[in-house]
Amino acid sequence: MELELQDFAPPAQALFLSAPWTAKRLLFLTLPAGWVGKRHPSPKRQVAFCLSGSISVEAGDGERREIGPGGIWLMEDVAGTGHSTRVTSPGECRLAVVQLD
């Protein structure tokens, strides 16, 4: 993603900013310790932000990612085999999800 130095909130100092994306909804999810989401497509095109805990996400092509606090990922697999998810932290995993147009 390209970022460009811009004045975002003058008089605050300029910062690096992306082009805007149009969003529809903001959701918060809590996945309990041990939660497993069998392979499924994303319900919407969305961006997820891991707030606490950690999860493992396996894409349809077998690529696996471990995501912890501060991790951000784009989910565009709204068709096909989708992905599987499981909580890997000893406690719950909290996410913020922004659903896109």
C-alpha atoms as a PDB file:
ATOM      1  CA  MET A   1       0.000   0.000   0.000  1.00  0.00           C
ATOM      2  CA  GLU A   2       1.416   3.353  -0.987  1.00  0.00           C
ATOM      3  CA  LEU A   3       1.552   6.119   1.598  1.00  0.00           C
ATOM      4  CA  GLU A   4       2.090   9.790   0.817  1.00  0.00           C
ATOM      5  CA  LEU A   5       3.197  12.574   3.161  1.00  0.00           C
ATOM      6  CA  GLN A   6       0.116  14.765   3.708  1.00  0.00           C
ATOM      7  CA  ASP A   7      -1.401  17.277   6.079  1.00  0.00           C
ATOM      8  CA  PHE A   8      -4.093  15.209   7.778  1.00  0.00           C
ATOM      9  CA  ALA A   9      -5.038  17.184  10.882  1.00  0.00           C
ATOM     10  CA  PRO A  10      -3.453  20.653  10.767  1.00  0.00           C
ATOM     11  CA  PRO A  11      -1.818  22.160  12.698  1.00  0.00           C
ATOM     12  CA  ALA A  12      -0.413  18.718  13.593  1.00  0.00           C
ATOM     13  CA  GLN A  13       2.712  17.733  11.669  1.00  0.00           C
ATOM     14  CA  ALA A  14       2.206  16.037   8.272  1.00  0.00           C
ATOM     15  CA  LEU A  15       2.115  12.231   8.275  1.00  0.00           C
ATOM     16  CA  PHE A  16       2.113   9.366   5.795  1.00  0.00           C
ATOM     17  CA  LEU A  17      -1.414   8.553   4.640  1.00  0.00           C
ATOM     18  CA  SER A  18      -2.999   6.064   2.243  1.00  0.00           C
ATOM     19  CA  ALA A  19      -5.771   6.757  -0.218  1.00  0.00           C
ATOM     20  CA  PRO A  20      -9.173   6.425   1.495  1.00  0.00           C
ATOM     21  CA  TRP A  21     -11.259   3.247   1.310  1.00  0.00           C
ATOM     22  CA  THR A  22     -15.037   3.329   1.632  1.00  0.00           C
ATOM     23  CA  ALA A  23     -16.295   1.306   4.585  1.00  0.00           C
ATOM     24  CA  LYS A  24     -19.786   0.073   5.447  1.00  0.00           C
ATOM     25  CA  ARG A  25     -19.561  -1.294   8.995  1.00  0.00           C
ATOM     26  CA  LEU A  26     -17.261  -1.574  11.994  1.00  0.00           C
ATOM     27  CA  LEU A  27     -17.615  -4.749  14.090  1.00  0.00           C
ATOM     28  CA  PHE A  28     -15.860  -6.031  17.209  1.00  0.00           C
ATOM     29  CA  LEU A  29     -15.426  -9.776  17.725  1.00  0.00           C
ATOM     30  CA  THR A  30     -14.261 -11.839  20.666  1.00  0.00           C
ATOM     31  CA  LEU A  31     -13.150 -15.381  19.853  1.00  0.00           C
ATOM     32  CA  PRO A  32     -12.834 -17.530  23.001  1.00  0.00           C
ATOM     33  CA  ALA A  33      -9.693 -19.546  23.776  1.00  0.00           C
ATOM     34  CA  GLY A  34      -9.687 -22.737  21.715  1.00  0.00           C
ATOM     35  CA  TRP A  35     -12.175 -21.382  19.120  1.00  0.00           C
ATOM     36  CA  VAL A  36     -11.879 -22.977  15.662  1.00  0.00           C
ATOM     37  CA  GLY A  37     -13.568 -21.657  12.533  1.00  0.00           C
ATOM     38  CA  LYS A  38     -13.752 -24.450   9.937  1.00  0.00           C
ATOM     39  CA  ARG A  39     -12.973 -23.476   6.334  1.00  0.00           C
ATOM     40  CA  HIS A  40     -15.394 -20.773   5.173  1.00  0.00           C
ATOM     41  CA  PRO A  41     -15.399 -17.744   2.863  1.00  0.00           C
ATOM     42  CA  SER A  42     -15.378 -14.247   4.360  1.00  0.00           C
ATOM     43  CA  PRO A  43     -18.933 -12.907   4.747  1.00  0.00           C
ATOM     44  CA  LYS A  44     -17.826  -9.579   3.197  1.00  0.00           C
ATOM     45  CA  ARG A  45     -14.655  -8.007   1.832  1.00  0.00           C
ATOM     46  CA  GLN A  46     -13.134  -6.753   5.077  1.00  0.00           C
ATOM     47  CA  VAL A  47     -10.049  -5.654   6.976  1.00  0.00           C
ATOM     48  CA  ALA A  48      -9.375  -7.191  10.389  1.00  0.00           C
ATOM     49  CA  PHE A  49      -7.285  -5.707  13.196  1.00  0.00           C
ATOM     50  CA  CYS A  50      -6.057  -7.951  16.015  1.00  0.00           C
ATOM     51  CA  LEU A  51      -6.469  -6.060  19.287  1.00  0.00           C
ATOM     52  CA  SER A  52      -5.412  -8.814  21.722  1.00  0.00           C
ATOM     53  CA  GLY A  53      -4.654 -12.514  21.731  1.00  0.00           C
ATOM     54  CA  SER A  54      -3.528 -14.364  18.611  1.00  0.00           C
ATOM     55  CA  ILE A  55      -4.945 -16.480  15.806  1.00  0.00           C
ATOM     56  CA  SER A  56      -3.712 -18.669  12.989  1.00  0.00           C
ATOM     57  CA  VAL A  57      -5.373 -18.148   9.596  1.00  0.00           C
ATOM     58  CA  GLU A  58      -4.919 -20.671   6.768  1.00  0.00           C
ATOM     59  CA  ALA A  59      -5.861 -19.484   3.275  1.00  0.00           C
ATOM     60  CA  GLY A  60      -7.397 -21.733   0.617  1.00  0.00           C
ATOM     61  CA  ASP A  61      -3.981 -22.160  -1.033  1.00  0.00           C
ATOM     62  CA  GLY A  62      -2.486 -23.502   2.226  1.00  0.00           C
ATOM     63  CA  GLU A  63      -0.611 -20.326   3.187  1.00  0.00           C
ATOM     64  CA  ARG A  64      -0.751 -19.916   6.961  1.00  0.00           C
ATOM     65  CA  ARG A  65      -0.251 -16.722   8.945  1.00  0.00           C
ATOM     66  CA  GLU A  66       0.068 -16.195  12.666  1.00  0.00           C
ATOM     67  CA  ILE A  67      -1.543 -12.903  13.663  1.00  0.00           C
ATOM     68  CA  GLY A  68      -1.085 -11.216  17.013  1.00  0.00           C
ATOM     69  CA  PRO A  69      -1.804  -7.833  18.583  1.00  0.00           C
ATOM     70  CA  GLY A  70      -1.325  -5.053  16.039  1.00  0.00           C
ATOM     71  CA  GLY A  71      -1.676  -7.447  13.084  1.00  0.00           C
ATOM     72  CA  ILE A  72      -3.835  -6.212  10.196  1.00  0.00           C
ATOM     73  CA  TRP A  73      -5.025  -8.248   7.214  1.00  0.00           C
ATOM     74  CA  LEU A  74      -7.329  -7.884   4.234  1.00  0.00           C
ATOM     75  CA  MET A  75      -9.879 -10.663   3.693  1.00  0.00           C
ATOM     76  CA  GLU A  76     -11.109 -10.815   0.106  1.00  0.00           C
ATOM     77  CA  ASP A  77     -11.981 -14.526  -0.099  1.00  0.00           C
ATOM     78  CA  VAL A  78     -15.744 -13.999  -0.391  1.00  0.00           C
ATOM     79  CA  ALA A  79     -16.068 -16.935  -2.832  1.00  0.00           C
ATOM     80  CA  GLY A  80     -14.359 -20.294  -3.212  1.00  0.00           C
ATOM     81  CA  THR A  81     -13.011 -22.411  -0.381  1.00  0.00           C
ATOM     82  CA  GLY A  82     -12.237 -19.480   1.908  1.00  0.00           C
ATOM     83  CA  HIS A  83      -9.998 -19.833   4.951  1.00  0.00           C
ATOM     84  CA  SER A  84      -9.881 -21.512   8.343  1.00  0.00           C
ATOM     85  CA  THR A  85      -9.094 -19.760  11.616  1.00  0.00           C
ATOM     86  CA  ARG A  86      -8.166 -20.874  15.107  1.00  0.00           C
ATOM     87  CA  VAL A  87      -7.287 -19.046  18.304  1.00  0.00           C
ATOM     88  CA  THR A  88      -3.686 -19.816  19.276  1.00  0.00           C
ATOM     89  CA  SER A  89      -3.383 -17.634  22.374  1.00  0.00           C
ATOM     90  CA  PRO A  90      -4.097 -19.124  25.815  1.00  0.00           C
ATOM     91  CA  GLY A  91      -6.931 -16.612  26.241  1.00  0.00           C
ATOM     92  CA  GLU A  92      -9.493 -15.019  23.969  1.00  0.00           C
ATOM     93  CA  CYS A  93      -8.670 -13.117  20.795  1.00  0.00           C
ATOM     94  CA  ARG A  94     -10.292  -9.725  20.215  1.00  0.00           C
ATOM     95  CA  LEU A  95     -10.655  -8.283  16.719  1.00  0.00           C
ATOM     96  CA  ALA A  96     -11.990  -5.114  15.120  1.00  0.00           C
ATOM     97  CA  VAL A  97     -13.337  -5.733  11.599  1.00  0.00           C
ATOM     98  CA  VAL A  98     -14.119  -3.045   9.039  1.00  0.00           C
ATOM     99  CA  GLN A  99     -16.403  -4.299   6.261  1.00  0.00           C
ATOM    100  CA  LEU A 100     -15.803  -2.592   2.920  1.00  0.00           C
ATOM    101  CA  ASP A 101     -18.085  -1.722   0.003  1.00  0.00           C
END
